[in-house]
Amino acid sequence: MSEKKTKKVNDFFMYKNDILCVEDVSIINITNNIKTPFYVYSTASLRRRYIDLATSLNSIKHSLYFSVKSNSNLAVLRVLSLLGSGMDVVSGGEYLRAQKAGVPGYKVVFSGVGKTTSELDFAIKKKILLINVESESELKNIINLSKNKKTEVNVGIRLNPNVNAQTIGKISTGRMQDKFGLNFKD
């Protein structure tokens, strides 16, 4: 009789007899039932990590927002929504995914550059929590749209603090000359 070997990767991913298992389900069994390649997520792990993070912040007033850009999988978004997470979106399409996952508009932050007038109009109609502004022209657009709708809109203004993170010049953000956000003078 052979001895079973178990090597824990974390609470929900482990090797059993050199076979990766997720929540006690063998990856081999999964590959026999669905096409490859694929991504595997652990709902239990996602819940645990979210609760750990939220609990660690209990001593301060906080809100958690998941970046839909980082993972737009509806099942992942649904789990986070059920746990109370808001969503950070960068397009109308991402907003629709968040909505489909059950996230109400008042728990959505609209970030990102290049927001179209129709996306801003849509965000205002849906009464999202906040629009993060990247430029003066975007702010003026939001003001005009909100005046036409006779509604107030919460905005956050992305300021460049003139800090150089010393990354690759073409992708750098935070310096006065960088393309995203406003500088303090403006």
N, C-alpha and C. Protein backbone atom coordinates (compact mmCIF):
# COMPACT_ATOMS: atom_id res chain seq x y z
N MET A 1 0.84 -1.18 0.00
CA MET A 1 0.00 0.00 0.00
C MET A 1 0.89 1.25 0.00
N SER A 2 0.64 2.15 -0.96
CA SER A 2 1.49 3.34 -1.05
C SER A 2 0.95 4.43 -0.13
N GLU A 3 1.89 5.22 0.33
CA GLU A 3 1.54 6.32 1.21
C GLU A 3 1.18 7.55 0.39
N LYS A 4 0.07 8.23 0.75
CA LYS A 4 -0.35 9.44 0.02
C LYS A 4 0.51 10.61 0.45
N LYS A 5 0.99 11.37 -0.55
CA LYS A 5 1.77 12.57 -0.27
C LYS A 5 0.90 13.79 -0.53
N THR A 6 0.91 14.70 0.42
CA THR A 6 0.17 15.95 0.26
C THR A 6 1.14 17.10 0.51
N LYS A 7 1.17 18.04 -0.43
CA LYS A 7 1.99 19.24 -0.28
C LYS A 7 1.07 20.44 -0.44
N LYS A 8 0.96 21.21 0.62
CA LYS A 8 0.06 22.35 0.64
C LYS A 8 0.71 23.55 -0.05
N VAL A 9 -0.01 24.16 -1.00
CA VAL A 9 0.43 25.41 -1.62
C VAL A 9 -0.17 26.55 -0.81
N ASN A 10 -1.44 26.48 -0.55
CA ASN A 10 -2.14 27.34 0.42
C ASN A 10 -3.36 26.55 0.89
N ASP A 11 -4.28 27.18 1.56
CA ASP A 11 -5.41 26.45 2.14
C ASP A 11 -6.28 25.73 1.11
N PHE A 12 -6.29 26.21 -0.12
CA PHE A 12 -7.24 25.67 -1.09
C PHE A 12 -6.59 25.09 -2.34
N PHE A 13 -5.29 25.24 -2.48
CA PHE A 13 -4.53 24.65 -3.58
C PHE A 13 -3.47 23.75 -2.97
N MET A 14 -3.46 22.50 -3.37
CA MET A 14 -2.45 21.59 -2.83
C MET A 14 -2.17 20.46 -3.81
N TYR A 15 -1.00 19.89 -3.64
CA TYR A 15 -0.64 18.72 -4.43
C TYR A 15 -0.95 17.49 -3.62
N LYS A 16 -1.67 16.56 -4.24
CA LYS A 16 -1.93 15.27 -3.63
C LYS A 16 -1.36 14.23 -4.58
N ASN A 17 -0.37 13.49 -4.10
CA ASN A 17 0.34 12.52 -4.95
C ASN A 17 0.81 13.16 -6.25
N ASP A 18 1.41 14.34 -6.11
CA ASP A 18 1.99 15.10 -7.23
C ASP A 18 0.96 15.60 -8.24
N ILE A 19 -0.30 15.64 -7.87
CA ILE A 19 -1.36 16.17 -8.75
C ILE A 19 -1.95 17.41 -8.08
N LEU A 20 -1.93 18.52 -8.80
CA LEU A 20 -2.48 19.75 -8.26
C LEU A 20 -3.99 19.62 -8.09
N CYS A 21 -4.46 20.01 -6.91
CA CYS A 21 -5.89 19.99 -6.61
C CYS A 21 -6.32 21.37 -6.14
N VAL A 22 -7.51 21.75 -6.52
CA VAL A 22 -8.10 23.01 -6.10
C VAL A 22 -9.37 22.66 -5.33
N GLU A 23 -9.40 23.06 -4.06
CA GLU A 23 -10.52 22.71 -3.20
C GLU A 23 -10.84 21.21 -3.32
N ASP A 24 -9.83 20.39 -3.28
CA ASP A 24 -9.92 18.93 -3.34
C ASP A 24 -10.37 18.38 -4.68
N VAL A 25 -10.38 19.21 -5.72
CA VAL A 25 -10.72 18.72 -7.06
C VAL A 25 -9.43 18.68 -7.88
N SER A 26 -9.15 17.55 -8.44
CA SER A 26 -7.94 17.34 -9.23
C SER A 26 -7.99 18.15 -10.53
N ILE A 27 -6.89 18.80 -10.83
CA ILE A 27 -6.79 19.53 -12.11
C ILE A 27 -6.98 18.56 -13.28
N ILE A 28 -6.52 17.35 -13.12
CA ILE A 28 -6.69 16.35 -14.19
C ILE A 28 -8.18 16.09 -14.44
N ASN A 29 -8.97 15.98 -13.36
CA ASN A 29 -10.42 15.79 -13.54
C ASN A 29 -11.04 16.98 -14.25
N ILE A 30 -10.55 18.18 -13.94
CA ILE A 30 -11.09 19.36 -14.60
C ILE A 30 -10.75 19.33 -16.09
N THR A 31 -9.51 18.99 -16.42
CA THR A 31 -9.11 18.96 -17.84
C THR A 31 -9.86 17.89 -18.63
N ASN A 32 -10.33 16.88 -17.95
CA ASN A 32 -11.12 15.85 -18.64
C ASN A 32 -12.53 16.32 -18.95
N ASN A 33 -12.95 17.43 -18.34
CA ASN A 33 -14.32 17.89 -18.51
C ASN A 33 -14.47 19.22 -19.24
N ILE A 34 -13.38 19.96 -19.39
CA ILE A 34 -13.45 21.23 -20.12
C ILE A 34 -12.26 21.37 -21.04
N LYS A 35 -12.37 22.28 -22.01
CA LYS A 35 -11.28 22.51 -22.94
C LYS A 35 -10.14 23.25 -22.25
N THR A 36 -8.94 23.01 -22.75
CA THR A 36 -7.77 23.73 -22.26
C THR A 36 -7.33 24.72 -23.33
N PRO A 37 -6.62 25.75 -23.02
CA PRO A 37 -6.24 26.17 -21.67
C PRO A 37 -7.42 26.80 -20.93
N PHE A 38 -7.28 26.94 -19.62
CA PHE A 38 -8.33 27.50 -18.79
C PHE A 38 -7.71 28.11 -17.54
N TYR A 39 -8.50 28.93 -16.86
CA TYR A 39 -8.10 29.48 -15.57
C TYR A 39 -8.90 28.75 -14.50
N VAL A 40 -8.29 28.55 -13.35
CA VAL A 40 -8.97 27.94 -12.23
C VAL A 40 -8.91 28.91 -11.05
N TYR A 41 -10.06 29.20 -10.50
CA TYR A 41 -10.16 30.07 -9.33
C TYR A 41 -10.77 29.28 -8.19
N SER A 42 -10.40 29.64 -6.99
CA SER A 42 -10.98 29.03 -5.80
C SER A 42 -11.89 30.05 -5.14
N THR A 43 -13.17 29.78 -5.14
CA THR A 43 -14.13 30.67 -4.48
C THR A 43 -13.81 30.77 -2.99
N ALA A 44 -13.47 29.65 -2.38
CA ALA A 44 -13.16 29.65 -0.95
C ALA A 44 -11.93 30.52 -0.66
N SER A 45 -10.93 30.44 -1.52
CA SER A 45 -9.73 31.24 -1.34
C SER A 45 -10.03 32.73 -1.54
N LEU A 46 -10.80 33.03 -2.56
CA LEU A 46 -11.17 34.42 -2.83
C LEU A 46 -11.94 35.00 -1.65
N ARG A 47 -12.91 34.24 -1.14
CA ARG A 47 -13.68 34.69 0.03
C ARG A 47 -12.77 34.92 1.23
N ARG A 48 -11.91 33.95 1.49
CA ARG A 48 -11.02 34.04 2.65
C ARG A 48 -10.15 35.28 2.56
N ARG A 49 -9.53 35.51 1.39
CA ARG A 49 -8.63 36.66 1.24
C ARG A 49 -9.39 37.98 1.36
N TYR A 50 -10.58 38.04 0.78
CA TYR A 50 -11.38 39.27 0.88
C TYR A 50 -11.75 39.55 2.34
N ILE A 51 -12.22 38.54 3.03
CA ILE A 51 -12.62 38.70 4.43
C ILE A 51 -11.42 39.07 5.29
N ASP A 52 -10.26 38.45 5.02
CA ASP A 52 -9.04 38.80 5.76
C ASP A 52 -8.69 40.27 5.56
N LEU A 53 -8.76 40.74 4.31
CA LEU A 53 -8.44 42.13 4.03
C LEU A 53 -9.45 43.06 4.70
N ALA A 54 -10.74 42.78 4.52
CA ALA A 54 -11.78 43.63 5.12
C ALA A 54 -11.65 43.66 6.64
N THR A 55 -11.38 42.52 7.24
CA THR A 55 -11.23 42.43 8.70
C THR A 55 -10.03 43.23 9.18
N SER A 56 -8.95 43.19 8.41
CA SER A 56 -7.74 43.92 8.81
C SER A 56 -7.96 45.43 8.79
N LEU A 57 -9.00 45.88 8.09
CA LEU A 57 -9.29 47.30 8.00
C LEU A 57 -10.43 47.74 8.92
N ASN A 58 -10.91 46.83 9.77
CA ASN A 58 -12.07 47.13 10.61
C ASN A 58 -11.89 48.36 11.50
N SER A 59 -10.68 48.69 11.87
CA SER A 59 -10.47 49.82 12.78
C SER A 59 -10.60 51.17 12.09
N ILE A 60 -10.72 51.18 10.76
CA ILE A 60 -10.88 52.44 10.02
C ILE A 60 -12.11 52.34 9.10
N LYS A 61 -12.68 53.49 8.80
CA LYS A 61 -13.78 53.52 7.85
C LYS A 61 -13.18 53.24 6.48
N HIS A 62 -13.74 52.28 5.76
CA HIS A 62 -13.16 51.92 4.48
C HIS A 62 -14.21 51.37 3.52
N SER A 63 -13.86 51.36 2.27
CA SER A 63 -14.63 50.70 1.22
C SER A 63 -13.63 50.00 0.32
N LEU A 64 -13.98 48.82 -0.14
CA LEU A 64 -13.09 48.07 -1.02
C LEU A 64 -13.67 48.05 -2.43
N TYR A 65 -12.82 48.28 -3.42
CA TYR A 65 -13.22 48.30 -4.82
C TYR A 65 -12.26 47.43 -5.61
N PHE A 66 -12.80 46.48 -6.33
CA PHE A 66 -12.01 45.57 -7.14
C PHE A 66 -11.88 46.13 -8.55
N SER A 67 -10.70 46.06 -9.12
CA SER A 67 -10.46 46.53 -10.47
C SER A 67 -10.95 45.49 -11.47
N VAL A 68 -12.03 45.79 -12.17
CA VAL A 68 -12.58 44.88 -13.16
C VAL A 68 -11.55 44.65 -14.27
N LYS A 69 -10.73 45.65 -14.53
CA LYS A 69 -9.68 45.53 -15.54
C LYS A 69 -8.72 44.38 -15.20
N SER A 70 -8.50 44.14 -13.92
CA SER A 70 -7.55 43.10 -13.52
C SER A 70 -8.10 41.69 -13.72
N ASN A 71 -9.42 41.54 -13.67
CA ASN A 71 -10.04 40.24 -13.88
C ASN A 71 -11.54 40.46 -14.07
N SER A 72 -12.01 40.28 -15.29
CA SER A 72 -13.43 40.56 -15.59
C SER A 72 -14.30 39.30 -15.59
N ASN A 73 -13.79 38.21 -15.03
CA ASN A 73 -14.54 36.97 -14.94
C ASN A 73 -15.79 37.20 -14.10
N LEU A 74 -16.97 36.94 -14.69
CA LEU A 74 -18.23 37.21 -13.99
C LEU A 74 -18.36 36.45 -12.68
N ALA A 75 -17.88 35.23 -12.64
CA ALA A 75 -17.98 34.45 -11.40
C ALA A 75 -17.15 35.10 -10.29
N VAL A 76 -15.97 35.57 -10.63
CA VAL A 76 -15.11 36.25 -9.66
C VAL A 76 -15.80 37.54 -9.19
N LEU A 77 -16.31 38.32 -10.14
CA LEU A 77 -16.98 39.57 -9.79
C LEU A 77 -18.20 39.33 -8.91
N ARG A 78 -18.95 38.26 -9.20
CA ARG A 78 -20.14 37.92 -8.41
C ARG A 78 -19.77 37.59 -6.96
N VAL A 79 -18.73 36.79 -6.79
CA VAL A 79 -18.29 36.43 -5.44
C VAL A 79 -17.92 37.70 -4.67
N LEU A 80 -17.15 38.57 -5.30
CA LEU A 80 -16.74 39.81 -4.62
C LEU A 80 -17.93 40.71 -4.34
N SER A 81 -18.86 40.78 -5.27
CA SER A 81 -20.06 41.58 -5.07
C SER A 81 -20.85 41.08 -3.87
N LEU A 82 -21.03 39.78 -3.77
CA LEU A 82 -21.77 39.19 -2.65
C LEU A 82 -21.09 39.45 -1.31
N LEU A 83 -19.77 39.64 -1.35
CA LEU A 83 -19.02 39.95 -0.14
C LEU A 83 -19.08 41.44 0.21
N GLY A 84 -19.65 42.25 -0.70
CA GLY A 84 -19.80 43.67 -0.44
C GLY A 84 -18.84 44.57 -1.17
N SER A 85 -18.01 44.00 -2.01
CA SER A 85 -17.04 44.81 -2.74
C SER A 85 -17.70 45.70 -3.78
N GLY A 86 -17.16 46.89 -3.91
CA GLY A 86 -17.51 47.75 -5.03
C GLY A 86 -16.59 47.40 -6.20
N MET A 87 -16.78 48.07 -7.33
CA MET A 87 -15.97 47.80 -8.51
C MET A 87 -15.41 49.09 -9.08
N ASP A 88 -14.18 49.01 -9.55
CA ASP A 88 -13.52 50.10 -10.25
C ASP A 88 -13.51 49.71 -11.73
N VAL A 89 -14.17 50.52 -12.57
CA VAL A 89 -14.29 50.20 -14.00
C VAL A 89 -13.61 51.28 -14.83
N VAL A 90 -13.21 50.93 -16.05
CA VAL A 90 -12.56 51.89 -16.94
C VAL A 90 -13.29 52.03 -18.27
N SER A 91 -14.49 51.43 -18.38
CA SER A 91 -15.26 51.55 -19.62
C SER A 91 -16.72 51.23 -19.33
N GLY A 92 -17.57 51.60 -20.29
CA GLY A 92 -18.97 51.24 -20.18
C GLY A 92 -19.18 49.73 -20.16
N GLY A 93 -18.37 49.02 -20.95
CA GLY A 93 -18.46 47.56 -20.98
C GLY A 93 -18.13 46.94 -19.63
N GLU A 94 -17.11 47.47 -18.97
CA GLU A 94 -16.76 46.95 -17.64
C GLU A 94 -17.88 47.27 -16.64
N TYR A 95 -18.49 48.44 -16.78
CA TYR A 95 -19.62 48.77 -15.91
C TYR A 95 -20.73 47.72 -16.08
N LEU A 96 -21.04 47.38 -17.34
CA LEU A 96 -22.10 46.40 -17.59
C LEU A 96 -21.76 45.04 -16.99
N ARG A 97 -20.49 44.65 -17.02
CA ARG A 97 -20.07 43.38 -16.40
C ARG A 97 -20.28 43.45 -14.88
N ALA A 98 -19.89 44.57 -14.29
CA ALA A 98 -20.07 44.74 -12.84
C ALA A 98 -21.56 44.69 -12.49
N GLN A 99 -22.37 45.35 -13.29
CA GLN A 99 -23.82 45.35 -13.07
C GLN A 99 -24.37 43.93 -13.19
N LYS A 100 -23.92 43.20 -14.20
CA LYS A 100 -24.37 41.82 -14.40
C LYS A 100 -23.97 40.92 -13.21
N ALA A 101 -22.86 41.28 -12.57
CA ALA A 101 -22.39 40.53 -11.40
C ALA A 101 -23.13 40.94 -10.13
N GLY A 102 -24.04 41.92 -10.23
CA GLY A 102 -24.85 42.31 -9.09
C GLY A 102 -24.36 43.54 -8.34
N VAL A 103 -23.41 44.26 -8.90
CA VAL A 103 -22.88 45.45 -8.21
C VAL A 103 -23.77 46.65 -8.54
N PRO A 104 -24.35 47.28 -7.52
CA PRO A 104 -25.20 48.46 -7.79
C PRO A 104 -24.35 49.66 -8.21
N GLY A 105 -24.94 50.57 -8.97
CA GLY A 105 -24.23 51.74 -9.46
C GLY A 105 -23.56 52.56 -8.38
N TYR A 106 -24.17 52.64 -7.21
CA TYR A 106 -23.59 53.45 -6.14
C TYR A 106 -22.33 52.81 -5.53
N LYS A 107 -21.96 51.62 -6.01
CA LYS A 107 -20.72 50.98 -5.55
C LYS A 107 -19.72 50.86 -6.70
N VAL A 108 -19.84 51.76 -7.69
CA VAL A 108 -18.95 51.72 -8.85
C VAL A 108 -18.19 53.03 -8.94
N VAL A 109 -16.88 52.91 -9.16
CA VAL A 109 -16.01 54.05 -9.43
C VAL A 109 -15.56 53.91 -10.88
N PHE A 110 -15.67 55.01 -11.63
CA PHE A 110 -15.30 55.01 -13.05
C PHE A 110 -13.97 55.72 -13.19
N SER A 111 -12.93 54.98 -13.52
CA SER A 111 -11.58 55.51 -13.65
C SER A 111 -11.13 55.40 -15.09
N GLY A 112 -9.87 55.71 -15.31
CA GLY A 112 -9.27 55.50 -16.62
C GLY A 112 -9.30 56.71 -17.51
N VAL A 113 -8.43 56.67 -18.50
CA VAL A 113 -8.30 57.77 -19.46
C VAL A 113 -9.15 57.48 -20.69
N GLY A 114 -9.47 58.54 -21.42
CA GLY A 114 -10.16 58.38 -22.70
C GLY A 114 -11.63 58.04 -22.58
N LYS A 115 -12.26 58.42 -21.50
CA LYS A 115 -13.70 58.15 -21.37
C LYS A 115 -14.45 58.97 -22.42
N THR A 116 -15.33 58.33 -23.14
CA THR A 116 -16.10 59.03 -24.17
C THR A 116 -17.25 59.78 -23.52
N THR A 117 -17.80 60.74 -24.26
CA THR A 117 -18.96 61.48 -23.77
C THR A 117 -20.12 60.53 -23.50
N SER A 118 -20.31 59.56 -24.37
CA SER A 118 -21.42 58.61 -24.15
C SER A 118 -21.19 57.75 -22.90
N GLU A 119 -19.94 57.38 -22.62
CA GLU A 119 -19.66 56.61 -21.40
C GLU A 119 -19.89 57.47 -20.16
N LEU A 120 -19.46 58.73 -20.21
CA LEU A 120 -19.68 59.63 -19.08
C LEU A 120 -21.18 59.86 -18.86
N ASP A 121 -21.90 60.06 -19.96
CA ASP A 121 -23.35 60.25 -19.88
C ASP A 121 -24.02 59.02 -19.25
N PHE A 122 -23.59 57.85 -19.68
CA PHE A 122 -24.10 56.58 -19.16
C PHE A 122 -23.82 56.48 -17.66
N ALA A 123 -22.58 56.81 -17.25
CA ALA A 123 -22.18 56.73 -15.84
C ALA A 123 -23.03 57.67 -14.99
N ILE A 124 -23.30 58.86 -15.52
CA ILE A 124 -24.11 59.83 -14.78
C ILE A 124 -25.55 59.33 -14.66
N LYS A 125 -26.09 58.77 -15.75
CA LYS A 125 -27.45 58.21 -15.70
C LYS A 125 -27.56 57.10 -14.67
N LYS A 126 -26.51 56.28 -14.56
CA LYS A 126 -26.53 55.14 -13.64
C LYS A 126 -26.21 55.53 -12.20
N LYS A 127 -25.94 56.82 -11.99
CA LYS A 127 -25.67 57.35 -10.65
C LYS A 127 -24.55 56.59 -9.94
N ILE A 128 -23.45 56.40 -10.66
CA ILE A 128 -22.32 55.72 -10.04
C ILE A 128 -21.74 56.59 -8.93
N LEU A 129 -20.99 55.96 -8.07
CA LEU A 129 -20.46 56.64 -6.89
C LEU A 129 -19.53 57.79 -7.25
N LEU A 130 -18.62 57.57 -8.19
CA LEU A 130 -17.55 58.54 -8.42
C LEU A 130 -16.98 58.37 -9.82
N ILE A 131 -16.67 59.49 -10.45
CA ILE A 131 -15.92 59.48 -11.70
C ILE A 131 -14.55 60.09 -11.41
N ASN A 132 -13.49 59.34 -11.64
CA ASN A 132 -12.14 59.86 -11.47
C ASN A 132 -11.75 60.62 -12.74
N VAL A 133 -11.44 61.89 -12.56
CA VAL A 133 -11.16 62.80 -13.67
C VAL A 133 -9.67 62.80 -13.99
N GLU A 134 -9.37 62.69 -15.30
CA GLU A 134 -7.99 62.63 -15.76
C GLU A 134 -7.51 63.91 -16.43
N SER A 135 -8.44 64.80 -16.81
CA SER A 135 -8.04 66.01 -17.53
C SER A 135 -9.06 67.12 -17.31
N GLU A 136 -8.62 68.34 -17.60
CA GLU A 136 -9.52 69.49 -17.52
C GLU A 136 -10.70 69.34 -18.47
N SER A 137 -10.42 68.88 -19.68
CA SER A 137 -11.51 68.74 -20.67
C SER A 137 -12.53 67.70 -20.23
N GLU A 138 -12.08 66.64 -19.59
CA GLU A 138 -13.01 65.64 -19.08
C GLU A 138 -13.88 66.24 -17.97
N LEU A 139 -13.29 67.03 -17.10
CA LEU A 139 -14.06 67.67 -16.04
C LEU A 139 -15.11 68.61 -16.61
N LYS A 140 -14.72 69.38 -17.60
CA LYS A 140 -15.68 70.30 -18.25
C LYS A 140 -16.82 69.51 -18.89
N ASN A 141 -16.51 68.39 -19.50
CA ASN A 141 -17.51 67.53 -20.12
C ASN A 141 -18.50 67.02 -19.06
N ILE A 142 -17.97 66.58 -17.93
CA ILE A 142 -18.83 66.09 -16.84
C ILE A 142 -19.72 67.21 -16.32
N ILE A 143 -19.16 68.39 -16.16
CA ILE A 143 -19.95 69.53 -15.68
C ILE A 143 -21.10 69.82 -16.64
N ASN A 144 -20.81 69.85 -17.93
CA ASN A 144 -21.86 70.11 -18.93
C ASN A 144 -22.94 69.03 -18.91
N LEU A 145 -22.52 67.78 -18.87
CA LEU A 145 -23.49 66.68 -18.85
C LEU A 145 -24.36 66.72 -17.60
N SER A 146 -23.73 67.00 -16.45
CA SER A 146 -24.50 67.02 -15.20
C SER A 146 -25.46 68.21 -15.17
N LYS A 147 -25.05 69.35 -15.74
CA LYS A 147 -25.95 70.52 -15.81
C LYS A 147 -27.16 70.19 -16.68
N ASN A 148 -26.93 69.55 -17.82
CA ASN A 148 -28.03 69.17 -18.72
C ASN A 148 -29.01 68.23 -18.03
N LYS A 149 -28.51 67.38 -17.16
CA LYS A 149 -29.36 66.42 -16.45
C LYS A 149 -29.86 66.97 -15.11
N LYS A 150 -29.38 68.15 -14.77
CA LYS A 150 -29.75 68.76 -13.49
C LYS A 150 -29.47 67.81 -12.33
N THR A 151 -28.26 67.29 -12.32
CA THR A 151 -27.87 66.33 -11.29
C THR A 151 -26.44 66.63 -10.83
N GLU A 152 -26.15 66.24 -9.61
CA GLU A 152 -24.79 66.38 -9.09
C GLU A 152 -24.03 65.09 -9.36
N VAL A 153 -22.73 65.25 -9.60
CA VAL A 153 -21.86 64.10 -9.87
C VAL A 153 -20.65 64.20 -8.96
N ASN A 154 -20.35 63.10 -8.28
CA ASN A 154 -19.14 63.05 -7.46
C ASN A 154 -17.94 62.78 -8.37
N VAL A 155 -16.90 63.59 -8.20
CA VAL A 155 -15.68 63.37 -8.98
C VAL A 155 -14.48 63.32 -8.05
N GLY A 156 -13.49 62.57 -8.49
CA GLY A 156 -12.17 62.58 -7.87
C GLY A 156 -11.24 63.11 -8.94
N ILE A 157 -10.28 63.89 -8.55
CA ILE A 157 -9.36 64.46 -9.53
C ILE A 157 -8.00 63.82 -9.36
N ARG A 158 -7.50 63.22 -10.44
CA ARG A 158 -6.19 62.57 -10.40
C ARG A 158 -5.12 63.65 -10.55
N LEU A 159 -4.38 63.85 -9.48
CA LEU A 159 -3.31 64.83 -9.48
C LEU A 159 -1.97 64.14 -9.61
N ASN A 160 -1.11 64.74 -10.38
CA ASN A 160 0.27 64.27 -10.47
C ASN A 160 1.08 65.00 -9.40
N PRO A 161 1.57 64.28 -8.40
CA PRO A 161 2.27 64.93 -7.29
C PRO A 161 3.72 65.29 -7.61
N ASN A 162 4.13 65.09 -8.85
CA ASN A 162 5.51 65.33 -9.30
C ASN A 162 6.49 64.44 -8.54
N VAL A 163 6.15 63.16 -8.52
CA VAL A 163 7.00 62.15 -7.91
C VAL A 163 7.46 61.22 -9.03
N ASN A 164 8.75 60.98 -9.09
CA ASN A 164 9.30 60.11 -10.12
C ASN A 164 9.54 58.74 -9.52
N ALA A 165 8.77 57.75 -9.97
CA ALA A 165 8.92 56.38 -9.47
C ALA A 165 10.09 55.67 -10.13
N GLN A 166 10.78 56.36 -11.04
CA GLN A 166 11.95 55.85 -11.74
C GLN A 166 11.66 54.54 -12.47
N THR A 167 10.56 54.58 -13.23
CA THR A 167 10.20 53.45 -14.07
C THR A 167 10.59 53.81 -15.50
N ILE A 168 10.17 53.01 -16.46
CA ILE A 168 10.42 53.29 -17.86
C ILE A 168 9.70 54.58 -18.22
N GLY A 169 10.39 55.52 -18.84
CA GLY A 169 9.85 56.84 -19.13
C GLY A 169 8.52 56.84 -19.84
N LYS A 170 8.33 55.95 -20.80
CA LYS A 170 7.10 55.96 -21.61
C LYS A 170 5.87 55.46 -20.85
N ILE A 171 6.08 54.77 -19.74
CA ILE A 171 4.93 54.29 -18.96
C ILE A 171 4.84 54.97 -17.60
N SER A 172 5.69 55.93 -17.36
CA SER A 172 5.73 56.60 -16.07
C SER A 172 4.49 57.46 -15.85
N THR A 173 4.03 57.48 -14.63
CA THR A 173 2.93 58.37 -14.21
C THR A 173 3.37 59.05 -12.92
N GLY A 174 2.74 60.16 -12.62
CA GLY A 174 3.02 60.85 -11.36
C GLY A 174 3.92 62.06 -11.48
N ARG A 175 4.62 62.21 -12.61
CA ARG A 175 5.46 63.40 -12.78
C ARG A 175 4.63 64.49 -13.46
N MET A 176 5.03 65.71 -13.32
CA MET A 176 4.29 66.84 -13.92
C MET A 176 4.12 66.68 -15.42
N GLN A 177 5.12 66.19 -16.11
CA GLN A 177 5.06 66.10 -17.57
C GLN A 177 4.33 64.85 -18.07
N ASP A 178 3.91 63.98 -17.18
CA ASP A 178 3.25 62.75 -17.61
C ASP A 178 1.85 63.02 -18.13
N LYS A 179 1.41 62.13 -19.02
CA LYS A 179 0.20 62.38 -19.80
C LYS A 179 -1.12 62.17 -19.05
N PHE A 180 -1.11 61.48 -17.92
CA PHE A 180 -2.35 61.22 -17.22
C PHE A 180 -2.47 62.10 -15.99
N GLY A 181 -3.65 62.59 -15.73
CA GLY A 181 -3.89 63.39 -14.54
C GLY A 181 -3.57 64.85 -14.75
N LEU A 182 -3.89 65.63 -13.73
CA LEU A 182 -3.65 67.08 -13.73
C LEU A 182 -2.51 67.41 -12.79
N ASN A 183 -1.83 68.52 -13.06
CA ASN A 183 -0.84 68.94 -12.10
C ASN A 183 -1.48 69.96 -11.16
N PHE A 184 -0.83 70.25 -10.03
CA PHE A 184 -1.41 71.11 -9.00
C PHE A 184 -1.74 72.50 -9.54
N LYS A 185 -0.91 73.01 -10.42
CA LYS A 185 -1.12 74.35 -10.99
C LYS A 185 -2.46 74.43 -11.72
N ASP A 186 -2.78 73.40 -12.51
CA ASP A 186 -4.04 73.38 -13.27
C ASP A 186 -5.23 73.24 -12.34
